[in-house]
C-alpha atoms as a PDB file:
ATOM      1  CA  MET A   1      64.507 227.159-157.341  1.00  0.00           C
ATOM      2  CA  LEU A   2      61.232 229.065-156.915  1.00  0.00           C
ATOM      3  CA  GLN A   3      61.831 229.339-153.179  1.00  0.00           C
ATOM      4  CA  GLN A   4      65.290 230.833-153.838  1.00  0.00           C
ATOM      5  CA  ILE A   5      63.888 233.421-156.265  1.00  0.00           C
ATOM      6  CA  ARG A   6      61.085 234.656-153.999  1.00  0.00           C
ATOM      7  CA  GLU A   7      61.968 237.105-151.266  1.00  0.00           C
ATOM      8  CA  PRO A   8      60.705 236.316-147.753  1.00  0.00           C
ATOM      9  CA  MET A   9      57.812 238.419-146.511  1.00  0.00           C
ATOM     10  CA  PRO A  10      59.114 241.427-144.559  1.00  0.00           C
ATOM     11  CA  ARG A  11      58.703 241.109-140.805  1.00  0.00           C
ATOM     12  CA  ALA A  12      56.608 244.297-140.724  1.00  0.00           C
ATOM     13  CA  VAL A  13      54.057 242.799-143.121  1.00  0.00           C
ATOM     14  CA  HIS A  14      53.882 239.599-141.079  1.00  0.00           C
ATOM     15  CA  ALA A  15      53.449 241.571-137.859  1.00  0.00           C
ATOM     16  CA  ALA A  16      50.740 243.685-139.477  1.00  0.00           C
ATOM     17  CA  ARG A  17      48.744 240.581-140.405  1.00  0.00           C
ATOM     18  CA  VAL A  18      48.989 239.188-136.890  1.00  0.00           C
ATOM     19  CA  ALA A  19      48.008 242.573-135.444  1.00  0.00           C
ATOM     20  CA  SER A  20      45.025 242.697-137.815  1.00  0.00           C
ATOM     21  CA  THR A  21      43.835 239.318-136.547  1.00  0.00           C
ATOM     22  CA  LEU A  22      44.193 240.419-132.924  1.00  0.00           C
ATOM     23  CA  ARG A  23      42.321 243.651-133.636  1.00  0.00           C
ATOM     24  CA  GLU A  24      39.510 241.688-135.249  1.00  0.00           C
ATOM     25  CA  ARG A  25      39.231 239.468-132.187  1.00  0.00           C
ATOM     26  CA  LEU A  26      39.342 242.457-129.834  1.00  0.00           C
ATOM     27  CA  VAL A  27      36.608 244.284-131.766  1.00  0.00           C
ATOM     28  CA  ARG A  28      34.477 241.137-131.800  1.00  0.00           C
ATOM     29  CA  GLY A  29      34.919 240.685-128.047  1.00  0.00           C
ATOM     30  CA  LEU A  30      34.080 244.320-127.301  1.00  0.00           C
ATOM     31  CA  ILE A  31      30.974 244.187-129.492  1.00  0.00           C
ATOM     32  CA  ILE A  32      29.758 241.038-127.768  1.00  0.00           C
ATOM     33  CA  GLY A  33      30.531 242.582-124.368  1.00  0.00           C
ATOM     34  CA  THR A  34      28.729 245.831-125.189  1.00  0.00           C
ATOM     35  CA  VAL A  35      25.619 244.015-126.402  1.00  0.00           C
ATOM     36  CA  ALA A  36      25.649 241.842-123.285  1.00  0.00           C
ATOM     37  CA  ALA A  37      26.016 244.912-121.040  1.00  0.00           C
ATOM     38  CA  LEU A  38      23.117 246.628-122.810  1.00  0.00           C
ATOM     39  CA  VAL A  39      20.852 243.602-122.377  1.00  0.00           C
ATOM     40  CA  LEU A  40      21.797 243.196-118.702  1.00  0.00           C
ATOM     41  CA  ALA A  41      21.153 246.894-118.087  1.00  0.00           C
ATOM     42  CA  ILE A  42      17.758 246.838-119.791  1.00  0.00           C
ATOM     43  CA  VAL A  43      16.539 243.802-117.826  1.00  0.00           C
ATOM     44  CA  GLY A  44      18.101 245.077-114.597  1.00  0.00           C
ATOM     45  CA  ALA A  45      19.944 241.813-113.989  1.00  0.00           C
ATOM     46  CA  LEU A  46      21.029 240.847-110.459  1.00  0.00           C
ATOM     47  CA  HIS A  47      18.800 243.475-108.820  1.00  0.00           C
ATOM     48  CA  THR A  48      20.522 246.408-110.536  1.00  0.00           C
ATOM     49  CA  ASP A  49      17.055 247.692-111.476  1.00  0.00           C
ATOM     50  CA  ALA A  50      17.093 249.588-108.182  1.00  0.00           C
ATOM     51  CA  VAL A  51      18.851 252.428-110.050  1.00  0.00           C
ATOM     52  CA  GLY A  52      18.122 254.203-113.312  1.00  0.00           C
ATOM     53  CA  LEU A  53      19.005 252.822-116.726  1.00  0.00           C
ATOM     54  CA  PRO A  54      21.988 255.159-117.368  1.00  0.00           C
ATOM     55  CA  LEU A  55      23.687 254.097-114.119  1.00  0.00           C
ATOM     56  CA  ARG A  56      22.856 250.445-114.764  1.00  0.00           C
ATOM     57  CA  LEU A  57      24.360 250.645-118.243  1.00  0.00           C
ATOM     58  CA  ALA A  58      27.489 252.364-116.894  1.00  0.00           C
ATOM     59  CA  TYR A  59      27.834 249.641-114.252  1.00  0.00           C
ATOM     60  CA  TRP A  60      27.508 246.760-116.694  1.00  0.00           C
ATOM     61  CA  LEU A  61      29.900 248.354-119.190  1.00  0.00           C
ATOM     62  CA  VAL A  62      32.485 248.796-116.427  1.00  0.00           C
ATOM     63  CA  VAL A  63      31.948 245.198-115.344  1.00  0.00           C
ATOM     64  CA  VAL A  64      31.780 243.467-118.733  1.00  0.00           C
ATOM     65  CA  LEU A  65      34.223 245.289-121.040  1.00  0.00           C
ATOM     66  CA  PRO A  66      37.376 244.833-118.908  1.00  0.00           C
ATOM     67  CA  GLY A  67      36.475 241.153-118.781  1.00  0.00           C
ATOM     68  CA  SER A  68      36.286 241.096-122.584  1.00  0.00           C
ATOM     69  CA  ILE A  69      39.784 242.564-122.875  1.00  0.00           C
ATOM     70  CA  LEU A  70      41.113 240.196-120.224  1.00  0.00           C
ATOM     71  CA  GLY A  71      39.436 237.346-122.093  1.00  0.00           C
ATOM     72  CA  LEU A  72      41.320 238.200-125.284  1.00  0.00           C
ATOM     73  CA  VAL A  73      44.637 238.148-123.432  1.00  0.00           C
ATOM     74  CA  VAL A  74      43.871 234.865-121.691  1.00  0.00           C
ATOM     75  CA  GLN A  75      42.472 233.220-124.829  1.00  0.00           C
ATOM     76  CA  SER A  76      45.537 234.229-126.861  1.00  0.00           C
ATOM     77  CA  ALA A  77      47.879 232.894-124.181  1.00  0.00           C
ATOM     78  CA  VAL A  78      46.031 229.575-123.910  1.00  0.00           C
ATOM     79  CA  ALA A  79      45.891 229.196-127.705  1.00  0.00           C
ATOM     80  CA  ALA A  80      49.625 229.958-127.995  1.00  0.00           C
ATOM     81  CA  TRP A  81      50.347 227.292-125.391  1.00  0.00           C
ATOM     82  CA  GLY A  82      48.358 224.792-127.459  1.00  0.00           C
ATOM     83  CA  GLY A  83      47.696 222.292-124.679  1.00  0.00           C
ATOM     84  CA  PHE A  84      43.975 222.164-125.462  1.00  0.00           C
ATOM     85  CA  ALA A  85      44.251 221.796-129.245  1.00  0.00           C
ATOM     86  CA  GLY A  86      41.250 219.834-130.487  1.00  0.00           C
ATOM     87  CA  ARG A  87      39.432 220.183-127.141  1.00  0.00           C
ATOM     88  CA  ARG A  88      37.665 223.479-127.717  1.00  0.00           C
ATOM     89  CA  TRP A  89      35.068 223.228-124.941  1.00  0.00           C
ATOM     90  CA  LEU A  90      37.673 222.323-122.319  1.00  0.00           C
ATOM     91  CA  GLU A  91      39.609 225.372-123.505  1.00  0.00           C
ATOM     92  CA  VAL A  92      36.467 227.503-123.066  1.00  0.00           C
ATOM     93  CA  VAL A  93      36.113 226.336-119.447  1.00  0.00           C
ATOM     94  CA  VAL A  94      39.788 226.929-118.651  1.00  0.00           C
ATOM     95  CA  VAL A  95      39.736 230.411-120.212  1.00  0.00           C
ATOM     96  CA  ALA A  96      36.544 231.301-118.294  1.00  0.00           C
ATOM     97  CA  VAL A  97      38.051 230.177-114.984  1.00  0.00           C
ATOM     98  CA  MET A  98      41.261 232.131-115.636  1.00  0.00           C
ATOM     99  CA  ILE A  99      39.177 235.233-116.371  1.00  0.00           C
ATOM    100  CA  THR A 100      37.036 234.743-113.271  1.00  0.00           C
ATOM    101  CA  VAL A 101      39.834 234.741-110.691  1.00  0.00           C
ATOM    102  CA  PRO A 102      41.104 238.314-111.253  1.00  0.00           C
ATOM    103  CA  HIS A 103      37.886 239.750-112.679  1.00  0.00           C
ATOM    104  CA  THR A 104      35.864 238.867-109.575  1.00  0.00           C
ATOM    105  CA  PHE A 105      37.700 241.574-107.668  1.00  0.00           C
ATOM    106  CA  VAL A 106      37.062 244.085-110.475  1.00  0.00           C
ATOM    107  CA  VAL A 107      33.343 243.381-110.143  1.00  0.00           C
ATOM    108  CA  ILE A 108      33.463 243.672-106.350  1.00  0.00           C
ATOM    109  CA  VAL A 109      35.192 247.064-106.527  1.00  0.00           C
ATOM    110  CA  ALA A 110      32.728 248.319-109.181  1.00  0.00           C
ATOM    111  CA  SER A 111      29.794 247.145-107.047  1.00  0.00           C
ATOM    112  CA  MET A 112      31.206 248.856-103.957  1.00  0.00           C
ATOM    113  CA  LEU A 113      31.631 252.149-105.816  1.00  0.00           C
ATOM    114  CA  MET A 114      28.254 252.162-107.573  1.00  0.00           C
ATOM    115  CA  PHE A 115      25.982 250.326-105.142  1.00  0.00           C
ATOM    116  CA  GLY A 116      27.783 250.654-101.819  1.00  0.00           C
ATOM    117  CA  ILE A 117      27.824 246.971-100.897  1.00  0.00           C
ATOM    118  CA  GLY A 118      28.858 246.151 -97.344  1.00  0.00           C
ATOM    119  CA  SER A 119      32.129 244.757 -96.106  1.00  0.00           C
ATOM    120  CA  VAL A 120      33.854 242.196 -98.282  1.00  0.00           C
ATOM    121  CA  THR A 121      34.046 238.742 -96.725  1.00  0.00           C
ATOM    122  CA  ALA A 122      35.077 235.344 -98.006  1.00  0.00           C
ATOM    123  CA  MET A 123      31.429 234.566 -98.709  1.00  0.00           C
ATOM    124  CA  THR A 124      31.128 237.805-100.698  1.00  0.00           C
ATOM    125  CA  VAL A 125      34.085 236.795-102.873  1.00  0.00           C
ATOM    126  CA  VAL A 126      32.627 233.302-103.388  1.00  0.00           C
ATOM    127  CA  ALA A 127      29.184 234.680-104.259  1.00  0.00           C
ATOM    128  CA  PHE A 128      30.553 237.224-106.722  1.00  0.00           C
ATOM    129  CA  GLY A 129      32.976 234.638-108.098  1.00  0.00           C
ATOM    130  CA  GLY A 130      30.142 232.252-108.914  1.00  0.00           C
ATOM    131  CA  VAL A 131      28.243 234.939-110.813  1.00  0.00           C
ATOM    132  CA  VAL A 132      31.371 236.083-112.667  1.00  0.00           C
ATOM    133  CA  LEU A 133      32.185 232.493-113.632  1.00  0.00           C
ATOM    134  CA  MET A 134      28.682 231.998-115.029  1.00  0.00           C
ATOM    135  CA  PHE A 135      28.892 235.123-117.184  1.00  0.00           C
ATOM    136  CA  SER A 136      32.479 234.321-118.186  1.00  0.00           C
ATOM    137  CA  LEU A 137      31.451 230.887-119.420  1.00  0.00           C
ATOM    138  CA  ILE A 138      28.549 232.292-121.428  1.00  0.00           C
ATOM    139  CA  LEU A 139      30.469 235.173-123.024  1.00  0.00           C
ATOM    140  CA  THR A 140      33.579 233.068-123.685  1.00  0.00           C
ATOM    141  CA  ALA A 141      31.482 230.403-125.403  1.00  0.00           C
ATOM    142  CA  ILE A 142      29.722 233.044-127.522  1.00  0.00           C
ATOM    143  CA  ASN A 143      33.083 234.572-128.448  1.00  0.00           C
ATOM    144  CA  TYR A 144      34.515 231.192-129.478  1.00  0.00           C
ATOM    145  CA  LEU A 145      31.417 230.266-131.465  1.00  0.00           C
ATOM    146  CA  SER A 146      31.266 233.597-133.267  1.00  0.00           C
ATOM    147  CA  GLY A 147      34.945 233.325-134.116  1.00  0.00           C
ATOM    148  CA  SER A 148      34.701 229.758-135.422  1.00  0.00           C
ATOM    149  CA  VAL A 149      32.174 230.502-138.181  1.00  0.00           C
ATOM    150  CA  ALA A 150      34.858 231.245-140.742  1.00  0.00           C
ATOM    151  CA  SER A 151      37.827 229.772-138.910  1.00  0.00           C
ATOM    152  CA  PRO A 152      40.033 226.987-140.272  1.00  0.00           C
ATOM    153  CA  VAL A 153      38.885 224.702-137.489  1.00  0.00           C
ATOM    154  CA  ALA A 154      35.251 225.018-138.568  1.00  0.00           C
ATOM    155  CA  VAL A 155      36.155 224.343-142.195  1.00  0.00           C
ATOM    156  CA  ALA A 156      38.224 221.339-141.166  1.00  0.00           C
ATOM    157  CA  ASP A 157      35.346 219.904-139.130  1.00  0.00           C
ATOM    158  CA  ALA A 158      33.258 219.712-142.289  1.00  0.00           C
ATOM    159  CA  LEU A 159      36.105 218.169-144.273  1.00  0.00           C
ATOM    160  CA  GLU A 160      37.312 215.647-141.698  1.00  0.00           C
ATOM    161  CA  PRO A 161      35.480 212.642-143.257  1.00  0.00           C
ATOM    162  CA  VAL A 162      37.192 213.400-146.569  1.00  0.00           C
ATOM    163  CA  VAL A 163      40.564 213.885-144.898  1.00  0.00           C
ATOM    164  CA  ALA A 164      40.146 210.645-142.981  1.00  0.00           C
ATOM    165  CA  ALA A 165      39.569 208.765-146.230  1.00  0.00           C
ATOM    166  CA  SER A 166      42.612 210.161-148.000  1.00  0.00           C
ATOM    167  CA  PRO A 167      45.253 212.011-145.959  1.00  0.00           C
ATOM    168  CA  VAL A 168      47.905 214.000-147.780  1.00  0.00           C
ATOM    169  CA  ALA A 169      51.047 211.900-148.152  1.00  0.00           C
ATOM    170  CA  VAL A 170      53.258 212.625-151.145  1.00  0.00           C
ATOM    171  CA  VAL A 171      56.941 211.729-151.269  1.00  0.00           C
ATOM    172  CA  VAL A 172      59.394 214.270-152.713  1.00  0.00           C
ATOM    173  CA  PRO A 173      63.198 214.494-152.678  1.00  0.00           C
ATOM    174  CA  ALA A 174      63.525 217.618-150.490  1.00  0.00           C
ATOM    175  CA  VAL A 175      62.048 216.222-147.279  1.00  0.00           C
ATOM    176  CA  GLY A 176      60.745 218.943-144.975  1.00  0.00           C
ATOM    177  CA  THR A 177      61.679 221.844-147.267  1.00  0.00           C
ATOM    178  CA  MET A 178      59.446 224.833-146.557  1.00  0.00           C
ATOM    179  CA  PRO A 179      57.141 225.428-149.553  1.00  0.00           C
ATOM    180  CA  PRO A 180      57.188 228.985-150.960  1.00  0.00           C
ATOM    181  CA  GLY A 181      53.512 229.484-150.105  1.00  0.00           C
ATOM    182  CA  LEU A 182      54.435 229.286-146.406  1.00  0.00           C
ATOM    183  CA  ALA A 183      58.042 230.527-146.482  1.00  0.00           C
ATOM    184  CA  GLU A 184      57.044 233.914-147.871  1.00  0.00           C
ATOM    185  CA  ARG A 185      54.586 234.441-145.001  1.00  0.00           C
ATOM    186  CA  LEU A 186      57.116 233.694-142.248  1.00  0.00           C
ATOM    187  CA  PRO A 187      59.868 235.870-140.755  1.00  0.00           C
ATOM    188  CA  PRO A 188      63.213 235.307-142.545  1.00  0.00           C
ATOM    189  CA  ARG A 189      64.623 233.424-139.555  1.00  0.00           C
ATOM    190  CA  LEU A 190      61.990 230.692-139.978  1.00  0.00           C
ATOM    191  CA  GLY A 191      61.430 230.697-143.725  1.00  0.00           C
ATOM    192  CA  THR A 192      64.514 228.541-144.351  1.00  0.00           C
ATOM    193  CA  GLY A 193      63.674 225.978-141.669  1.00  0.00           C
ATOM    194  CA  ARG A 194      62.233 222.489-142.052  1.00  0.00           C
ATOM    195  CA  LEU A 195      58.480 222.289-141.607  1.00  0.00           C
ATOM    196  CA  ILE A 196      57.407 220.204-138.602  1.00  0.00           C
ATOM    197  CA  ALA A 197      53.668 220.837-138.298  1.00  0.00           C
ATOM    198  CA  LEU A 198      50.811 223.298-138.751  1.00  0.00           C
ATOM    199  CA  GLU A 199      48.421 223.997-135.901  1.00  0.00           C
ATOM    200  CA  ALA A 200      45.139 225.875-136.338  1.00  0.00           C
ATOM    201  CA  GLU A 201      44.566 228.617-133.767  1.00  0.00           C
ATOM    202  CA  ASP A 202      41.265 230.403-134.323  1.00  0.00           C
ATOM    203  CA  HIS A 203      41.673 232.494-137.510  1.00  0.00           C
ATOM    204  CA  TYR A 204      45.367 231.812-138.013  1.00  0.00           C
ATOM    205  CA  LEU A 205      47.958 229.040-138.131  1.00  0.00           C
ATOM    206  CA  ARG A 206      50.965 228.372-135.964  1.00  0.00           C
ATOM    207  CA  VAL A 207      53.767 227.107-138.176  1.00  0.00           C
ATOM    208  CA  HIS A 208      56.141 224.810-136.275  1.00  0.00           C
ATOM    209  CA  THR A 209      59.637 224.470-137.752  1.00  0.00           C
ATOM    210  CA  ASP A 210      62.960 223.094-136.543  1.00  0.00           C
ATOM    211  CA  LEU A 211      64.065 226.732-136.038  1.00  0.00           C
ATOM    212  CA  GLY A 212      61.076 227.791-133.942  1.00  0.00           C
ATOM    213  CA  ASN A 213      57.446 228.693-134.544  1.00  0.00           C
ATOM    214  CA  ASP A 214      55.324 231.691-135.459  1.00  0.00           C
ATOM    215  CA  ILE A 215      51.758 232.465-136.497  1.00  0.00           C
ATOM    216  CA  ILE A 216      50.462 233.453-139.919  1.00  0.00           C
ATOM    217  CA  LEU A 217      47.066 234.632-141.101  1.00  0.00           C
ATOM    218  CA  MET A 218      46.015 231.666-143.255  1.00  0.00           C
ATOM    219  CA  ARG A 219      43.301 229.016-143.284  1.00  0.00           C
ATOM    220  CA  MET A 220      44.317 225.422-142.716  1.00  0.00           C
ATOM    221  CA  ILE A 221      42.536 224.329-145.894  1.00  0.00           C
ATOM    222  CA  ASP A 222      44.605 226.833-147.921  1.00  0.00           C
ATOM    223  CA  ALA A 223      47.835 225.812-146.231  1.00  0.00           C
ATOM    224  CA  VAL A 224      47.222 222.133-146.959  1.00  0.00           C
ATOM    225  CA  ALA A 225      46.697 223.052-150.616  1.00  0.00           C
ATOM    226  CA  VAL A 226      50.292 224.311-150.877  1.00  0.00           C
ATOM    227  CA  LEU A 227      51.693 221.257-149.104  1.00  0.00           C
ATOM    228  CA  ASP A 228      50.987 218.785-151.908  1.00  0.00           C
ATOM    229  CA  ALA A 229      54.740 218.530-152.497  1.00  0.00           C
ATOM    230  CA  LEU A 230      55.534 217.504-148.923  1.00  0.00           C
ATOM    231  CA  PRO A 231      55.087 214.081-147.286  1.00  0.00           C
ATOM    232  CA  GLY A 232      52.616 214.588-144.471  1.00  0.00           C
ATOM    233  CA  ALA A 233      49.002 214.301-143.407  1.00  0.00           C
ATOM    234  CA  ARG A 234      46.103 216.144-141.845  1.00  0.00           C
ATOM    235  CA  VAL A 235      46.112 214.063-138.651  1.00  0.00           C
ATOM    236  CA  HIS A 236      43.450 216.109-136.883  1.00  0.00           C
ATOM    237  CA  ARG A 237      41.001 218.834-137.818  1.00  0.00           C
ATOM    238  CA  SER A 238      43.426 221.392-136.361  1.00  0.00           C
ATOM    239  CA  TRP A 239      46.779 219.712-137.151  1.00  0.00           C
ATOM    240  CA  TRP A 240      48.860 218.897-140.226  1.00  0.00           C
ATOM    241  CA  VAL A 241      52.083 216.965-139.497  1.00  0.00           C
ATOM    242  CA  ALA A 242      55.157 216.404-141.660  1.00  0.00           C
ATOM    243  CA  ARG A 243      55.903 212.684-141.971  1.00  0.00           C
ATOM    244  CA  HIS A 244      59.633 213.085-141.340  1.00  0.00           C
ATOM    245  CA  ALA A 245      58.989 214.867-138.013  1.00  0.00           C
ATOM    246  CA  VAL A 246      57.270 211.906-136.298  1.00  0.00           C
ATOM    247  CA  GLU A 247      59.521 210.338-133.663  1.00  0.00           C
ATOM    248  CA  GLY A 248      56.980 208.332-131.717  1.00  0.00           C
ATOM    249  CA  SER A 249      53.397 208.030-130.561  1.00  0.00           C
ATOM    250  CA  SER A 250      51.334 207.336-127.478  1.00  0.00           C
ATOM    251  CA  SER A 251      47.800 206.183-126.834  1.00  0.00           C
ATOM    252  CA  ILE A 252      46.014 206.843-123.537  1.00  0.00           C
ATOM    253  CA  ALA A 253      42.331 206.140-122.924  1.00  0.00           C
ATOM    254  CA  GLY A 254      41.704 205.837-126.655  1.00  0.00           C
ATOM    255  CA  ARG A 255      43.391 209.159-127.481  1.00  0.00           C
ATOM    256  CA  THR A 256      46.372 208.850-129.797  1.00  0.00           C
ATOM    257  CA  THR A 257      49.136 211.448-129.924  1.00  0.00           C
ATOM    258  CA  LEU A 258      52.098 211.816-132.276  1.00  0.00           C
ATOM    259  CA  ILE A 259      55.387 212.898-130.702  1.00  0.00           C
ATOM    260  CA  LEU A 260      57.270 215.167-133.086  1.00  0.00           C
ATOM    261  CA  ALA A 261      60.953 215.993-133.478  1.00  0.00           C
ATOM    262  CA  THR A 262      60.758 219.222-131.510  1.00  0.00           C
ATOM    263  CA  GLY A 263      58.888 217.642-128.603  1.00  0.00           C
ATOM    264  CA  ILE A 264      55.479 218.797-129.814  1.00  0.00           C
ATOM    265  CA  ALA A 265      52.537 216.472-129.142  1.00  0.00           C
ATOM    266  CA  ALA A 266      49.989 216.448-131.982  1.00  0.00           C
ATOM    267  CA  PRO A 267      46.578 214.822-131.351  1.00  0.00           C
ATOM    268  CA  VAL A 268      45.301 212.266-133.859  1.00  0.00           C
ATOM    269  CA  SER A 269      41.658 212.136-134.895  1.00  0.00           C
ATOM    270  CA  ARG A 270      39.963 208.808-134.221  1.00  0.00           C
ATOM    271  CA  ALA A 271      38.500 208.922-137.732  1.00  0.00           C
ATOM    272  CA  ILE A 272      41.899 209.125-139.402  1.00  0.00           C
ATOM    273  CA  ARG A 273      43.832 206.838-137.048  1.00  0.00           C
ATOM    274  CA  PRO A 274      43.193 203.581-138.961  1.00  0.00           C
ATOM    275  CA  THR A 275      44.441 205.124-142.201  1.00  0.00           C
ATOM    276  CA  LEU A 276      47.588 206.455-140.553  1.00  0.00           C
ATOM    277  CA  ALA A 277      48.184 203.115-138.846  1.00  0.00           C
ATOM    278  CA  ALA A 278      47.980 201.329-142.188  1.00  0.00           C
ATOM    279  CA  GLN A 279      50.600 203.736-143.555  1.00  0.00           C
ATOM    280  CA  GLY A 280      52.982 203.042-140.672  1.00  0.00           C
ATOM    281  CA  TRP A 281      52.798 206.380-138.902  1.00  0.00           C
ATOM    282  CA  PHE A 282      52.859 204.978-135.366  1.00  0.00           C
ATOM    283  CA  VAL A 283      56.344 204.035-134.260  1.00  0.00           C
END
């Protein structure tokens, strides 16, 4: 009844929250990039001390800041794909490599314009690519770490022993019904769907339903608090899964995955696996 009385959150409000999260990440990335450029200019990294500080700073800003913007785009795309959920450091490496490939040529062009490097050969591309990859790995890792301080994933890491001991699993008549606390944050087209799973993505959650998925600005720990009326469990530090949505499971090299109704694969924490197995989750 409460869900029928409440009006769904307007799409504009939902979009504004998502845009706010993206702006926060962009600002964070640009701040980190600017500080890195300033440090590299001051120390004259990679023999750039042959020119004055103003030119060095201009060079490093031109080199680093486009990479920061590209990093945001790549990171958002990889997070939306979700293939590296629960494997943060592998995601960092993949994002850094994806940044390196196009950004290497940006760095080469900037170096040609400001320092007049010679002809570009395959060895030049490889040499610049190695340096760009090194910096991309460092800055991407810093960006991920700085963003995880208050993220739902970081909170869940601290709570995982508690979750493993007692996963959420409460039976109610309306199986899969979207609770008001989530429905009001989703676009109208999804608010009436059946909840499949929640997936933590940096500072926000991706809500998977049988009608599609979208992201909301909400911590996993807060979302789980409004799911006490739904049968499900926190199966991983970055995943909550509705019990009715589980259609199968697989286990490869000690890694267990739940196969959900919409074809989504949700990783299962090793700490919580015995508890879920005792409750009959693996079919």
